[in-house]
Amino acid sequence: MINIRRIFSRFRAQPAAAVVVAGTDYPSYQLATRIQQNPAFHLAYFMNEEPWHHRTFILGVELRYASELLSLVKKHDIKAVFCASEDDYHSWLSDMGTALTQHHCQVLLCRPGETPQLPAV
């Protein structure tokens, strides 16, 4: 007997990878817009340290403290932290790069105009 579910399960799309955008400046906003247009990604959170921004929403996405990132990575299986500037990238990489890598999360730089991508594993 043919199992229809088994046949169609092969054609099911891969789930979108949960990602985070570091920062709330205009380049970060533009990066988040490009991420939301890409079906391969699910923009889970924005990150910054401003107390008046905490738990507010940008583009329908919640903003959290950077200090919460590791627990969010564990809880929501976040695959990448995208940075829109080299300064942010180097800062995040030096502060949290090792801890994030242990949980299979990467810190990635995506310059203005570039299409966000996860490197092949």
PDB file of N, CA and C in Angstrom:
ATOM      1  N   MET A   1       0.839  -1.182   0.000  1.00  0.00           N
ATOM      2  CA  MET A   1       0.000   0.000   0.000  1.00  0.00           C
ATOM      3  C   MET A   1       0.891   1.255   0.000  1.00  0.00           C
ATOM      4  N   ILE A   2       0.517   2.226  -0.781  1.00  0.00           N
ATOM      5  CA  ILE A   2       1.300   3.450  -0.918  1.00  0.00           C
ATOM      6  C   ILE A   2       0.972   4.392   0.240  1.00  0.00           C
ATOM      7  N   ASN A   3       2.010   4.898   0.864  1.00  0.00           N
ATOM      8  CA  ASN A   3       1.841   5.842   1.960  1.00  0.00           C
ATOM      9  C   ASN A   3       2.029   7.257   1.407  1.00  0.00           C
ATOM     10  N   ILE A   4       0.925   7.974   1.239  1.00  0.00           N
ATOM     11  CA  ILE A   4       0.945   9.313   0.631  1.00  0.00           C
ATOM     12  C   ILE A   4       1.772  10.288   1.474  1.00  0.00           C
ATOM     13  N   ARG A   5       1.633  10.250   2.780  1.00  0.00           N
ATOM     14  CA  ARG A   5       2.392  11.171   3.636  1.00  0.00           C
ATOM     15  C   ARG A   5       3.891  10.993   3.437  1.00  0.00           C
ATOM     16  N   ARG A   6       4.317   9.787   3.336  1.00  0.00           N
ATOM     17  CA  ARG A   6       5.733   9.510   3.160  1.00  0.00           C
ATOM     18  C   ARG A   6       6.235  10.063   1.828  1.00  0.00           C
ATOM     19  N   ILE A   7       5.442   9.941   0.803  1.00  0.00           N
ATOM     20  CA  ILE A   7       5.825  10.464  -0.511  1.00  0.00           C
ATOM     21  C   ILE A   7       5.931  11.982  -0.468  1.00  0.00           C
ATOM     22  N   PHE A   8       4.925  12.658   0.095  1.00  0.00           N
ATOM     23  CA  PHE A   8       4.921  14.115   0.111  1.00  0.00           C
ATOM     24  C   PHE A   8       5.897  14.699   1.122  1.00  0.00           C
ATOM     25  N   SER A   9       6.290  13.939   2.128  1.00  0.00           N
ATOM     26  CA  SER A   9       7.250  14.448   3.109  1.00  0.00           C
ATOM     27  C   SER A   9       8.595  14.748   2.461  1.00  0.00           C
ATOM     28  N   ARG A  10       8.896  14.104   1.365  1.00  0.00           N
ATOM     29  CA  ARG A  10      10.143  14.367   0.646  1.00  0.00           C
ATOM     30  C   ARG A  10      10.138  15.735  -0.020  1.00  0.00           C
ATOM     31  N   PHE A  11       8.971  16.262  -0.305  1.00  0.00           N
ATOM     32  CA  PHE A  11       8.857  17.538  -0.997  1.00  0.00           C
ATOM     33  C   PHE A  11       8.635  18.707  -0.051  1.00  0.00           C
ATOM     34  N   ARG A  12       8.561  18.431   1.228  1.00  0.00           N
ATOM     35  CA  ARG A  12       8.326  19.470   2.217  1.00  0.00           C
ATOM     36  C   ARG A  12       9.526  20.410   2.271  1.00  0.00           C
ATOM     37  N   ALA A  13       9.267  21.682   2.330  1.00  0.00           N
ATOM     38  CA  ALA A  13      10.344  22.666   2.384  1.00  0.00           C
ATOM     39  C   ALA A  13      11.079  22.579   3.719  1.00  0.00           C
ATOM     40  N   GLN A  14      12.358  22.883   3.666  1.00  0.00           N
ATOM     41  CA  GLN A  14      13.150  22.923   4.887  1.00  0.00           C
ATOM     42  C   GLN A  14      12.659  24.085   5.752  1.00  0.00           C
ATOM     43  N   PRO A  15      12.648  23.914   7.070  1.00  0.00           N
ATOM     44  CA  PRO A  15      12.216  25.018   7.923  1.00  0.00           C
ATOM     45  C   PRO A  15      13.192  26.186   7.812  1.00  0.00           C
ATOM     46  N   ALA A  16      12.668  27.384   7.943  1.00  0.00           N
ATOM     47  CA  ALA A  16      13.496  28.580   7.862  1.00  0.00           C
ATOM     48  C   ALA A  16      14.437  28.639   9.060  1.00  0.00           C
ATOM     49  N   ALA A  17      15.658  29.079   8.824  1.00  0.00           N
ATOM     50  CA  ALA A  17      16.655  29.199   9.888  1.00  0.00           C
ATOM     51  C   ALA A  17      16.374  30.457  10.701  1.00  0.00           C
ATOM     52  N   ALA A  18      16.303  30.310  12.011  1.00  0.00           N
ATOM     53  CA  ALA A  18      16.094  31.454  12.901  1.00  0.00           C
ATOM     54  C   ALA A  18      17.394  32.246  12.994  1.00  0.00           C
ATOM     55  N   VAL A  19      17.293  33.558  12.775  1.00  0.00           N
ATOM     56  CA  VAL A  19      18.465  34.430  12.824  1.00  0.00           C
ATOM     57  C   VAL A  19      18.145  35.687  13.625  1.00  0.00           C
ATOM     58  N   VAL A  20      19.205  36.406  13.988  1.00  0.00           N
ATOM     59  CA  VAL A  20      19.109  37.628  14.776  1.00  0.00           C
ATOM     60  C   VAL A  20      19.862  38.723  14.037  1.00  0.00           C
ATOM     61  N   VAL A  21      19.391  39.972  14.161  1.00  0.00           N
ATOM     62  CA  VAL A  21      20.122  41.120  13.635  1.00  0.00           C
ATOM     63  C   VAL A  21      20.669  41.903  14.822  1.00  0.00           C
ATOM     64  N   ALA A  22      21.979  42.159  14.798  1.00  0.00           N
ATOM     65  CA  ALA A  22      22.633  42.930  15.847  1.00  0.00           C
ATOM     66  C   ALA A  22      22.559  44.407  15.488  1.00  0.00           C
ATOM     67  N   GLY A  23      21.912  45.188  16.346  1.00  0.00           N
ATOM     68  CA  GLY A  23      21.829  46.625  16.131  1.00  0.00           C
ATOM     69  C   GLY A  23      20.456  47.077  15.690  1.00  0.00           C
ATOM     70  N   THR A  24      20.241  48.383  15.834  1.00  0.00           N
ATOM     71  CA  THR A  24      18.958  48.964  15.448  1.00  0.00           C
ATOM     72  C   THR A  24      19.143  50.211  14.583  1.00  0.00           C
ATOM     73  N   ASP A  25      20.347  50.415  14.062  1.00  0.00           N
ATOM     74  CA  ASP A  25      20.583  51.566  13.204  1.00  0.00           C
ATOM     75  C   ASP A  25      19.988  51.310  11.814  1.00  0.00           C
ATOM     76  N   TYR A  26      20.089  52.291  10.943  1.00  0.00           N
ATOM     77  CA  TYR A  26      19.457  52.163   9.629  1.00  0.00           C
ATOM     78  C   TYR A  26      20.024  51.000   8.801  1.00  0.00           C
ATOM     79  N   PRO A  27      21.357  50.796   8.760  1.00  0.00           N
ATOM     80  CA  PRO A  27      21.858  49.626   8.017  1.00  0.00           C
ATOM     81  C   PRO A  27      21.326  48.299   8.578  1.00  0.00           C
ATOM     82  N   SER A  28      21.163  48.215   9.887  1.00  0.00           N
ATOM     83  CA  SER A  28      20.603  46.996  10.497  1.00  0.00           C
ATOM     84  C   SER A  28      19.148  46.819  10.092  1.00  0.00           C
ATOM     85  N   TYR A  29      18.417  47.922  10.027  1.00  0.00           N
ATOM     86  CA  TYR A  29      17.016  47.891   9.592  1.00  0.00           C
ATOM     87  C   TYR A  29      16.927  47.391   8.144  1.00  0.00           C
ATOM     88  N   GLN A  30      17.804  47.913   7.283  1.00  0.00           N
ATOM     89  CA  GLN A  30      17.820  47.472   5.883  1.00  0.00           C
ATOM     90  C   GLN A  30      18.166  45.984   5.779  1.00  0.00           C
ATOM     91  N   LEU A  31      19.135  45.548   6.573  1.00  0.00           N
ATOM     92  CA  LEU A  31      19.519  44.139   6.595  1.00  0.00           C
ATOM     93  C   LEU A  31      18.338  43.277   7.030  1.00  0.00           C
ATOM     94  N   ALA A  32      17.635  43.706   8.062  1.00  0.00           N
ATOM     95  CA  ALA A  32      16.474  42.953   8.551  1.00  0.00           C
ATOM     96  C   ALA A  32      15.394  42.853   7.478  1.00  0.00           C
ATOM     97  N   THR A  33      15.203  43.912   6.725  1.00  0.00           N
ATOM     98  CA  THR A  33      14.221  43.896   5.641  1.00  0.00           C
ATOM     99  C   THR A  33      14.602  42.859   4.585  1.00  0.00           C
ATOM    100  N   ARG A  34      15.900  42.799   4.239  1.00  0.00           N
ATOM    101  CA  ARG A  34      16.356  41.799   3.264  1.00  0.00           C
ATOM    102  C   ARG A  34      16.193  40.381   3.817  1.00  0.00           C
ATOM    103  N   ILE A  35      16.443  40.208   5.103  1.00  0.00           N
ATOM    104  CA  ILE A  35      16.283  38.886   5.723  1.00  0.00           C
ATOM    105  C   ILE A  35      14.821  38.461   5.683  1.00  0.00           C
ATOM    106  N   GLN A  36      13.914  39.382   5.989  1.00  0.00           N
ATOM    107  CA  GLN A  36      12.490  39.040   5.993  1.00  0.00           C
ATOM    108  C   GLN A  36      11.979  38.692   4.599  1.00  0.00           C
ATOM    109  N   GLN A  37      12.630  39.187   3.567  1.00  0.00           N
ATOM    110  CA  GLN A  37      12.223  38.876   2.200  1.00  0.00           C
ATOM    111  C   GLN A  37      12.758  37.521   1.728  1.00  0.00           C
ATOM    112  N   ASN A  38      13.653  36.935   2.497  1.00  0.00           N
ATOM    113  CA  ASN A  38      14.270  35.661   2.132  1.00  0.00           C
ATOM    114  C   ASN A  38      13.557  34.522   2.859  1.00  0.00           C
ATOM    115  N   PRO A  39      12.896  33.626   2.142  1.00  0.00           N
ATOM    116  CA  PRO A  39      12.147  32.547   2.793  1.00  0.00           C
ATOM    117  C   PRO A  39      13.026  31.535   3.528  1.00  0.00           C
ATOM    118  N   ALA A  40      14.331  31.585   3.317  1.00  0.00           N
ATOM    119  CA  ALA A  40      15.234  30.659   4.008  1.00  0.00           C
ATOM    120  C   ALA A  40      15.467  31.061   5.461  1.00  0.00           C
ATOM    121  N   PHE A  41      15.056  32.298   5.822  1.00  0.00           N
ATOM    122  CA  PHE A  41      15.308  32.811   7.165  1.00  0.00           C
ATOM    123  C   PHE A  41      14.029  33.192   7.888  1.00  0.00           C
ATOM    124  N   HIS A  42      14.099  33.077   9.206  1.00  0.00           N
ATOM    125  CA  HIS A  42      13.064  33.609  10.096  1.00  0.00           C
ATOM    126  C   HIS A  42      13.777  34.587  11.024  1.00  0.00           C
ATOM    127  N   LEU A  43      13.470  35.873  10.897  1.00  0.00           N
ATOM    128  CA  LEU A  43      14.081  36.880  11.760  1.00  0.00           C
ATOM    129  C   LEU A  43      13.440  36.783  13.134  1.00  0.00           C
ATOM    130  N   ALA A  44      14.187  36.263  14.098  1.00  0.00           N
ATOM    131  CA  ALA A  44      13.646  35.987  15.423  1.00  0.00           C
ATOM    132  C   ALA A  44      13.728  37.197  16.348  1.00  0.00           C
ATOM    133  N   TYR A  45      14.848  37.926  16.318  1.00  0.00           N
ATOM    134  CA  TYR A  45      15.051  39.044  17.243  1.00  0.00           C
ATOM    135  C   TYR A  45      15.993  40.078  16.657  1.00  0.00           C
ATOM    136  N   PHE A  46      15.875  41.302  17.187  1.00  0.00           N
ATOM    137  CA  PHE A  46      16.891  42.334  17.062  1.00  0.00           C
ATOM    138  C   PHE A  46      17.620  42.366  18.401  1.00  0.00           C
ATOM    139  N   MET A  47      18.880  42.806  18.406  1.00  0.00           N
ATOM    140  CA  MET A  47      19.661  42.906  19.639  1.00  0.00           C
ATOM    141  C   MET A  47      20.241  44.302  19.779  1.00  0.00           C
ATOM    142  N   ASN A  48      20.133  44.868  20.979  1.00  0.00           N
ATOM    143  CA  ASN A  48      20.917  46.043  21.363  1.00  0.00           C
ATOM    144  C   ASN A  48      20.872  46.192  22.877  1.00  0.00           C
ATOM    145  N   GLU A  49      21.543  47.198  23.406  1.00  0.00           N
ATOM    146  CA  GLU A  49      21.655  47.350  24.860  1.00  0.00           C
ATOM    147  C   GLU A  49      20.903  48.563  25.401  1.00  0.00           C
ATOM    148  N   GLU A  50      20.134  49.237  24.591  1.00  0.00           N
ATOM    149  CA  GLU A  50      19.410  50.421  25.054  1.00  0.00           C
ATOM    150  C   GLU A  50      18.202  50.004  25.883  1.00  0.00           C
ATOM    151  N   PRO A  51      18.141  50.428  27.159  1.00  0.00           N
ATOM    152  CA  PRO A  51      17.041  49.972  28.024  1.00  0.00           C
ATOM    153  C   PRO A  51      15.660  50.438  27.562  1.00  0.00           C
ATOM    154  N   TRP A  52      15.573  51.575  26.894  1.00  0.00           N
ATOM    155  CA  TRP A  52      14.269  52.070  26.449  1.00  0.00           C
ATOM    156  C   TRP A  52      13.767  51.338  25.199  1.00  0.00           C
ATOM    157  N   HIS A  53      14.619  50.531  24.585  1.00  0.00           N
ATOM    158  CA  HIS A  53      14.196  49.731  23.430  1.00  0.00           C
ATOM    159  C   HIS A  53      13.762  48.321  23.807  1.00  0.00           C
ATOM    160  N   HIS A  54      14.165  47.852  24.982  1.00  0.00           N
ATOM    161  CA  HIS A  54      13.967  46.448  25.358  1.00  0.00           C
ATOM    162  C   HIS A  54      12.506  46.031  25.245  1.00  0.00           C
ATOM    163  N   ARG A  55      12.290  44.909  24.566  1.00  0.00           N
ATOM    164  CA  ARG A  55      10.972  44.301  24.346  1.00  0.00           C
ATOM    165  C   ARG A  55      10.019  45.170  23.518  1.00  0.00           C
ATOM    166  N   THR A  56      10.579  46.108  22.771  1.00  0.00           N
ATOM    167  CA  THR A  56       9.766  46.815  21.786  1.00  0.00           C
ATOM    168  C   THR A  56       9.874  46.031  20.477  1.00  0.00           C
ATOM    169  N   PHE A  57       9.173  46.488  19.442  1.00  0.00           N
ATOM    170  CA  PHE A  57       9.152  45.748  18.180  1.00  0.00           C
ATOM    171  C   PHE A  57       9.595  46.633  17.024  1.00  0.00           C
ATOM    172  N   ILE A  58      10.399  46.065  16.150  1.00  0.00           N
ATOM    173  CA  ILE A  58      10.825  46.699  14.905  1.00  0.00           C
ATOM    174  C   ILE A  58      10.483  45.714  13.794  1.00  0.00           C
ATOM    175  N   LEU A  59       9.761  46.160  12.790  1.00  0.00           N
ATOM    176  CA  LEU A  59       9.332  45.290  11.689  1.00  0.00           C
ATOM    177  C   LEU A  59       8.583  44.061  12.201  1.00  0.00           C
ATOM    178  N   GLY A  60       7.899  44.216  13.324  1.00  0.00           N
ATOM    179  CA  GLY A  60       7.149  43.105  13.901  1.00  0.00           C
ATOM    180  C   GLY A  60       8.010  42.098  14.646  1.00  0.00           C
ATOM    181  N   VAL A  61       9.264  42.446  14.900  1.00  0.00           N
ATOM    182  CA  VAL A  61      10.218  41.546  15.554  1.00  0.00           C
ATOM    183  C   VAL A  61      10.655  42.159  16.885  1.00  0.00           C
ATOM    184  N   GLU A  62      10.678  41.325  17.922  1.00  0.00           N
ATOM    185  CA  GLU A  62      11.011  41.809  19.265  1.00  0.00           C
ATOM    186  C   GLU A  62      12.494  42.148  19.395  1.00  0.00           C
ATOM    187  N   LEU A  63      12.766  43.210  20.149  1.00  0.00           N
ATOM    188  CA  LEU A  63      14.123  43.653  20.405  1.00  0.00           C
ATOM    189  C   LEU A  63      14.525  43.211  21.811  1.00  0.00           C
ATOM    190  N   ARG A  64      15.700  42.585  21.946  1.00  0.00           N
ATOM    191  CA  ARG A  64      16.166  42.066  23.240  1.00  0.00           C
ATOM    192  C   ARG A  64      17.581  42.550  23.521  1.00  0.00           C
ATOM    193  N   TYR A  65      17.980  42.424  24.790  1.00  0.00           N
ATOM    194  CA  TYR A  65      19.342  42.767  25.192  1.00  0.00           C
ATOM    195  C   TYR A  65      20.334  41.751  24.629  1.00  0.00           C
ATOM    196  N   ALA A  66      21.520  42.223  24.324  1.00  0.00           N
ATOM    197  CA  ALA A  66      22.574  41.329  23.847  1.00  0.00           C
ATOM    198  C   ALA A  66      22.930  40.285  24.902  1.00  0.00           C
ATOM    199  N   SER A  67      22.801  40.644  26.161  1.00  0.00           N
ATOM    200  CA  SER A  67      23.121  39.699  27.236  1.00  0.00           C
ATOM    201  C   SER A  67      22.165  38.501  27.263  1.00  0.00           C
ATOM    202  N   GLU A  68      21.032  38.606  26.593  1.00  0.00           N
ATOM    203  CA  GLU A  68      20.063  37.511  26.536  1.00  0.00           C
ATOM    204  C   GLU A  68      20.314  36.557  25.362  1.00  0.00           C
ATOM    205  N   LEU A  69      21.257  36.910  24.511  1.00  0.00           N
ATOM    206  CA  LEU A  69      21.429  36.176  23.254  1.00  0.00           C
ATOM    207  C   LEU A  69      21.698  34.688  23.443  1.00  0.00           C
ATOM    208  N   LEU A  70      22.608  34.333  24.320  1.00  0.00           N
ATOM    209  CA  LEU A  70      22.963  32.922  24.462  1.00  0.00           C
ATOM    210  C   LEU A  70      21.767  32.074  24.883  1.00  0.00           C
ATOM    211  N   SER A  71      20.957  32.576  25.797  1.00  0.00           N
ATOM    212  CA  SER A  71      19.776  31.803  26.202  1.00  0.00           C
ATOM    213  C   SER A  71      18.754  31.730  25.068  1.00  0.00           C
ATOM    214  N   LEU A  72      18.641  32.789  24.262  1.00  0.00           N
ATOM    215  CA  LEU A  72      17.730  32.763  23.112  1.00  0.00           C
ATOM    216  C   LEU A  72      18.219  31.777  22.047  1.00  0.00           C
ATOM    217  N   VAL A  73      19.530  31.706  21.862  1.00  0.00           N
ATOM    218  CA  VAL A  73      20.108  30.750  20.904  1.00  0.00           C
ATOM    219  C   VAL A  73      19.761  29.330  21.322  1.00  0.00           C
ATOM    220  N   LYS A  74      19.912  29.047  22.609  1.00  0.00           N
ATOM    221  CA  LYS A  74      19.602  27.704  23.111  1.00  0.00           C
ATOM    222  C   LYS A  74      18.114  27.389  22.987  1.00  0.00           C
ATOM    223  N   LYS A  75      17.287  28.349  23.353  1.00  0.00           N
ATOM    224  CA  LYS A  75      15.840  28.116  23.396  1.00  0.00           C
ATOM    225  C   LYS A  75      15.211  28.032  22.008  1.00  0.00           C
ATOM    226  N   HIS A  76      15.683  28.866  21.071  1.00  0.00           N
ATOM    227  CA  HIS A  76      15.028  28.979  19.764  1.00  0.00           C
ATOM    228  C   HIS A  76      15.879  28.452  18.606  1.00  0.00           C
ATOM    229  N   ASP A  77      16.996  27.809  18.916  1.00  0.00           N
ATOM    230  CA  ASP A  77      17.865  27.223  17.895  1.00  0.00           C
ATOM    231  C   ASP A  77      18.255  28.251  16.826  1.00  0.00           C
ATOM    232  N   ILE A  78      18.713  29.400  17.275  1.00  0.00           N
ATOM    233  CA  ILE A  78      19.130  30.468  16.367  1.00  0.00           C
ATOM    234  C   ILE A  78      20.440  30.065  15.701  1.00  0.00           C
ATOM    235  N   LYS A  79      20.495  30.221  14.390  1.00  0.00           N
ATOM    236  CA  LYS A  79      21.636  29.758  13.603  1.00  0.00           C
ATOM    237  C   LYS A  79      22.674  30.832  13.318  1.00  0.00           C
ATOM    238  N   ALA A  80      22.269  32.121  13.350  1.00  0.00           N
ATOM    239  CA  ALA A  80      23.227  33.167  13.004  1.00  0.00           C
ATOM    240  C   ALA A  80      22.841  34.499  13.622  1.00  0.00           C
ATOM    241  N   VAL A  81      23.880  35.292  13.889  1.00  0.00           N
ATOM    242  CA  VAL A  81      23.720  36.688  14.272  1.00  0.00           C
ATOM    243  C   VAL A  81      24.294  37.484  13.115  1.00  0.00           C
ATOM    244  N   PHE A  82      23.450  38.226  12.417  1.00  0.00           N
ATOM    245  CA  PHE A  82      23.891  39.035  11.288  1.00  0.00           C
ATOM    246  C   PHE A  82      24.211  40.444  11.761  1.00  0.00           C
ATOM    247  N   CYS A  83      25.362  40.949  11.334  1.00  0.00           N
ATOM    248  CA  CYS A  83      25.793  42.308  11.655  1.00  0.00           C
ATOM    249  C   CYS A  83      25.862  43.106  10.359  1.00  0.00           C
ATOM    250  N   ALA A  84      25.456  44.371  10.432  1.00  0.00           N
ATOM    251  CA  ALA A  84      25.445  45.215   9.240  1.00  0.00           C
ATOM    252  C   ALA A  84      26.723  46.042   9.101  1.00  0.00           C
ATOM    253  N   SER A  85      27.550  46.099  10.150  1.00  0.00           N
ATOM    254  CA  SER A  85      28.795  46.868  10.068  1.00  0.00           C
ATOM    255  C   SER A  85      29.962  46.026  10.568  1.00  0.00           C
ATOM    256  N   GLU A  86      31.149  46.350  10.079  1.00  0.00           N
ATOM    257  CA  GLU A  86      32.343  45.606  10.498  1.00  0.00           C
ATOM    258  C   GLU A  86      32.635  45.809  11.972  1.00  0.00           C
ATOM    259  N   ASP A  87      32.376  47.015  12.496  1.00  0.00           N
ATOM    260  CA  ASP A  87      32.596  47.263  13.925  1.00  0.00           C
ATOM    261  C   ASP A  87      31.719  46.354  14.776  1.00  0.00           C
ATOM    262  N   ASP A  88      30.431  46.274  14.425  1.00  0.00           N
ATOM    263  CA  ASP A  88      29.524  45.380  15.157  1.00  0.00           C
ATOM    264  C   ASP A  88      29.983  43.931  15.034  1.00  0.00           C
ATOM    265  N   TYR A  89      30.374  43.554  13.836  1.00  0.00           N
ATOM    266  CA  TYR A  89      30.811  42.177  13.587  1.00  0.00           C
ATOM    267  C   TYR A  89      31.987  41.806  14.487  1.00  0.00           C
ATOM    268  N   HIS A  90      33.018  42.647  14.506  1.00  0.00           N
ATOM    269  CA  HIS A  90      34.204  42.345  15.314  1.00  0.00           C
ATOM    270  C   HIS A  90      33.883  42.376  16.805  1.00  0.00           C
ATOM    271  N   SER A  91      33.019  43.282  17.210  1.00  0.00           N
ATOM    272  CA  SER A  91      32.614  43.358  18.615  1.00  0.00           C
ATOM    273  C   SER A  91      31.872  42.092  19.049  1.00  0.00           C
ATOM    274  N   TRP A  92      30.886  41.673  18.267  1.00  0.00           N
ATOM    275  CA  TRP A  92      30.112  40.470  18.590  1.00  0.00           C
ATOM    276  C   TRP A  92      30.988  39.226  18.528  1.00  0.00           C
ATOM    277  N   LEU A  93      31.864  39.173  17.555  1.00  0.00           N
ATOM    278  CA  LEU A  93      32.733  38.012  17.405  1.00  0.00           C
ATOM    279  C   LEU A  93      33.674  37.875  18.602  1.00  0.00           C
ATOM    280  N   SER A  94      34.256  38.986  19.046  1.00  0.00           N
ATOM    281  CA  SER A  94      35.178  38.915  20.183  1.00  0.00           C
ATOM    282  C   SER A  94      34.440  38.669  21.496  1.00  0.00           C
ATOM    283  N   ASP A  95      33.246  39.240  21.649  1.00  0.00           N
ATOM    284  CA  ASP A  95      32.499  39.094  22.904  1.00  0.00           C
ATOM    285  C   ASP A  95      31.829  37.732  23.044  1.00  0.00           C
ATOM    286  N   MET A  96      31.235  37.232  21.972  1.00  0.00           N
ATOM    287  CA  MET A  96      30.397  36.041  22.096  1.00  0.00           C
ATOM    288  C   MET A  96      30.669  34.956  21.061  1.00  0.00           C
ATOM    289  N   GLY A  97      31.629  35.160  20.200  1.00  0.00           N
ATOM    290  CA  GLY A  97      31.871  34.223  19.110  1.00  0.00           C
ATOM    291  C   GLY A  97      32.082  32.788  19.548  1.00  0.00           C
ATOM    292  N   THR A  98      32.925  32.578  20.548  1.00  0.00           N
ATOM    293  CA  THR A  98      33.227  31.215  21.002  1.00  0.00           C
ATOM    294  C   THR A  98      32.004  30.544  21.607  1.00  0.00           C
ATOM    295  N   ALA A  99      31.298  31.264  22.474  1.00  0.00           N
ATOM    296  CA  ALA A  99      30.106  30.696  23.120  1.00  0.00           C
ATOM    297  C   ALA A  99      29.030  30.364  22.093  1.00  0.00           C
ATOM    298  N   LEU A 100      28.860  31.232  21.101  1.00  0.00           N
ATOM    299  CA  LEU A 100      27.845  30.982  20.073  1.00  0.00           C
ATOM    300  C   LEU A 100      28.221  29.780  19.207  1.00  0.00           C
ATOM    301  N   THR A 101      29.491  29.670  18.866  1.00  0.00           N
ATOM    302  CA  THR A 101      29.952  28.560  18.035  1.00  0.00           C
ATOM    303  C   THR A 101      29.686  27.217  18.709  1.00  0.00           C
ATOM    304  N   GLN A 102      29.808  27.180  20.027  1.00  0.00           N
ATOM    305  CA  GLN A 102      29.541  25.939  20.763  1.00  0.00           C
ATOM    306  C   GLN A 102      28.091  25.497  20.620  1.00  0.00           C
ATOM    307  N   HIS A 103      27.211  26.438  20.293  1.00  0.00           N
ATOM    308  CA  HIS A 103      25.789  26.137  20.118  1.00  0.00           C
ATOM    309  C   HIS A 103      25.378  26.206  18.646  1.00  0.00           C
ATOM    310  N   HIS A 104      26.362  26.055  17.754  1.00  0.00           N
ATOM    311  CA  HIS A 104      26.125  26.006  16.305  1.00  0.00           C
ATOM    312  C   HIS A 104      25.474  27.282  15.777  1.00  0.00           C
ATOM    313  N   CYS A 105      25.864  28.403  16.348  1.00  0.00           N
ATOM    314  CA  CYS A 105      25.388  29.717  15.896  1.00  0.00           C
ATOM    315  C   CYS A 105      26.607  30.510  15.432  1.00  0.00           C
ATOM    316  N   GLN A 106      26.465  31.223  14.320  1.00  0.00           N
ATOM    317  CA  GLN A 106      27.578  31.962  13.736  1.00  0.00           C
ATOM    318  C   GLN A 106      27.329  33.458  13.801  1.00  0.00           C
ATOM    319  N   VAL A 107      28.408  34.223  13.902  1.00  0.00           N
ATOM    320  CA  VAL A 107      28.341  35.675  13.769  1.00  0.00           C
ATOM    321  C   VAL A 107      28.774  35.975  12.342  1.00  0.00           C
ATOM    322  N   LEU A 108      27.899  36.642  11.577  1.00  0.00           N
ATOM    323  CA  LEU A 108      28.156  36.873  10.154  1.00  0.00           C
ATOM    324  C   LEU A 108      28.022  38.346   9.810  1.00  0.00           C
ATOM    325  N   LEU A 109      28.875  38.805   8.919  1.00  0.00           N
ATOM    326  CA  LEU A 109      28.827  40.171   8.419  1.00  0.00           C
ATOM    327  C   LEU A 109      28.085  40.177   7.094  1.00  0.00           C
ATOM    328  N   CYS A 110      27.134  41.088   6.953  1.00  0.00           N
ATOM    329  CA  CYS A 110      26.397  41.237   5.702  1.00  0.00           C
ATOM    330  C   CYS A 110      26.373  42.726   5.363  1.00  0.00           C
ATOM    331  N   ARG A 111      27.213  43.114   4.445  1.00  0.00           N
ATOM    332  CA  ARG A 111      27.347  44.529   4.081  1.00  0.00           C
ATOM    333  C   ARG A 111      26.103  45.020   3.339  1.00  0.00           C
ATOM    334  N   PRO A 112      25.904  46.343   3.308  1.00  0.00           N
ATOM    335  CA  PRO A 112      24.734  46.899   2.613  1.00  0.00           C
ATOM    336  C   PRO A 112      24.653  46.416   1.168  1.00  0.00           C
ATOM    337  N   GLY A 113      23.465  45.993   0.779  1.00  0.00           N
ATOM    338  CA  GLY A 113      23.227  45.523  -0.572  1.00  0.00           C
ATOM    339  C   GLY A 113      23.492  44.042  -0.783  1.00  0.00           C
ATOM    340  N   GLU A 114      24.201  43.404   0.148  1.00  0.00           N
ATOM    341  CA  GLU A 114      24.470  41.972   0.017  1.00  0.00           C
ATOM    342  C   GLU A 114      23.248  41.163   0.430  1.00  0.00           C
ATOM    343  N   THR A 115      23.120  39.994  -0.155  1.00  0.00           N
ATOM    344  CA  THR A 115      22.053  39.076   0.228  1.00  0.00           C
ATOM    345  C   THR A 115      22.544  38.230   1.395  1.00  0.00           C
ATOM    346  N   PRO A 116      21.802  38.218   2.502  1.00  0.00           N
ATOM    347  CA  PRO A 116      22.226  37.409   3.648  1.00  0.00           C
ATOM    348  C   PRO A 116      22.233  35.924   3.296  1.00  0.00           C
ATOM    349  N   GLN A 117      23.303  35.240   3.686  1.00  0.00           N
ATOM    350  CA  GLN A 117      23.423  33.804   3.427  1.00  0.00           C
ATOM    351  C   GLN A 117      24.124  33.136   4.591  1.00  0.00           C
ATOM    352  N   LEU A 118      23.732  31.902   4.853  1.00  0.00           N
ATOM    353  CA  LEU A 118      24.451  31.076   5.816  1.00  0.00           C
ATOM    354  C   LEU A 118      25.486  30.273   5.044  1.00  0.00           C
ATOM    355  N   PRO A 119      26.715  30.218   5.531  1.00  0.00           N
ATOM    356  CA  PRO A 119      27.716  29.398   4.851  1.00  0.00           C
ATOM    357  C   PRO A 119      27.337  27.923   4.897  1.00  0.00           C
ATOM    358  N   ALA A 120      27.730  27.188   3.899  1.00  0.00           N
ATOM    359  CA  ALA A 120      27.465  25.744   3.878  1.00  0.00           C
ATOM    360  C   ALA A 120      28.229  25.084   5.014  1.00  0.00           C
ATOM    361  N   VAL A 121      27.565  24.160   5.674  1.00  0.00           N
ATOM    362  CA  VAL A 121      28.197  23.492   6.818  1.00  0.00           C
ATOM    363  C   VAL A 121      28.903  22.246   6.375  1.00  0.00           C
TER     364      VAL A 121
END
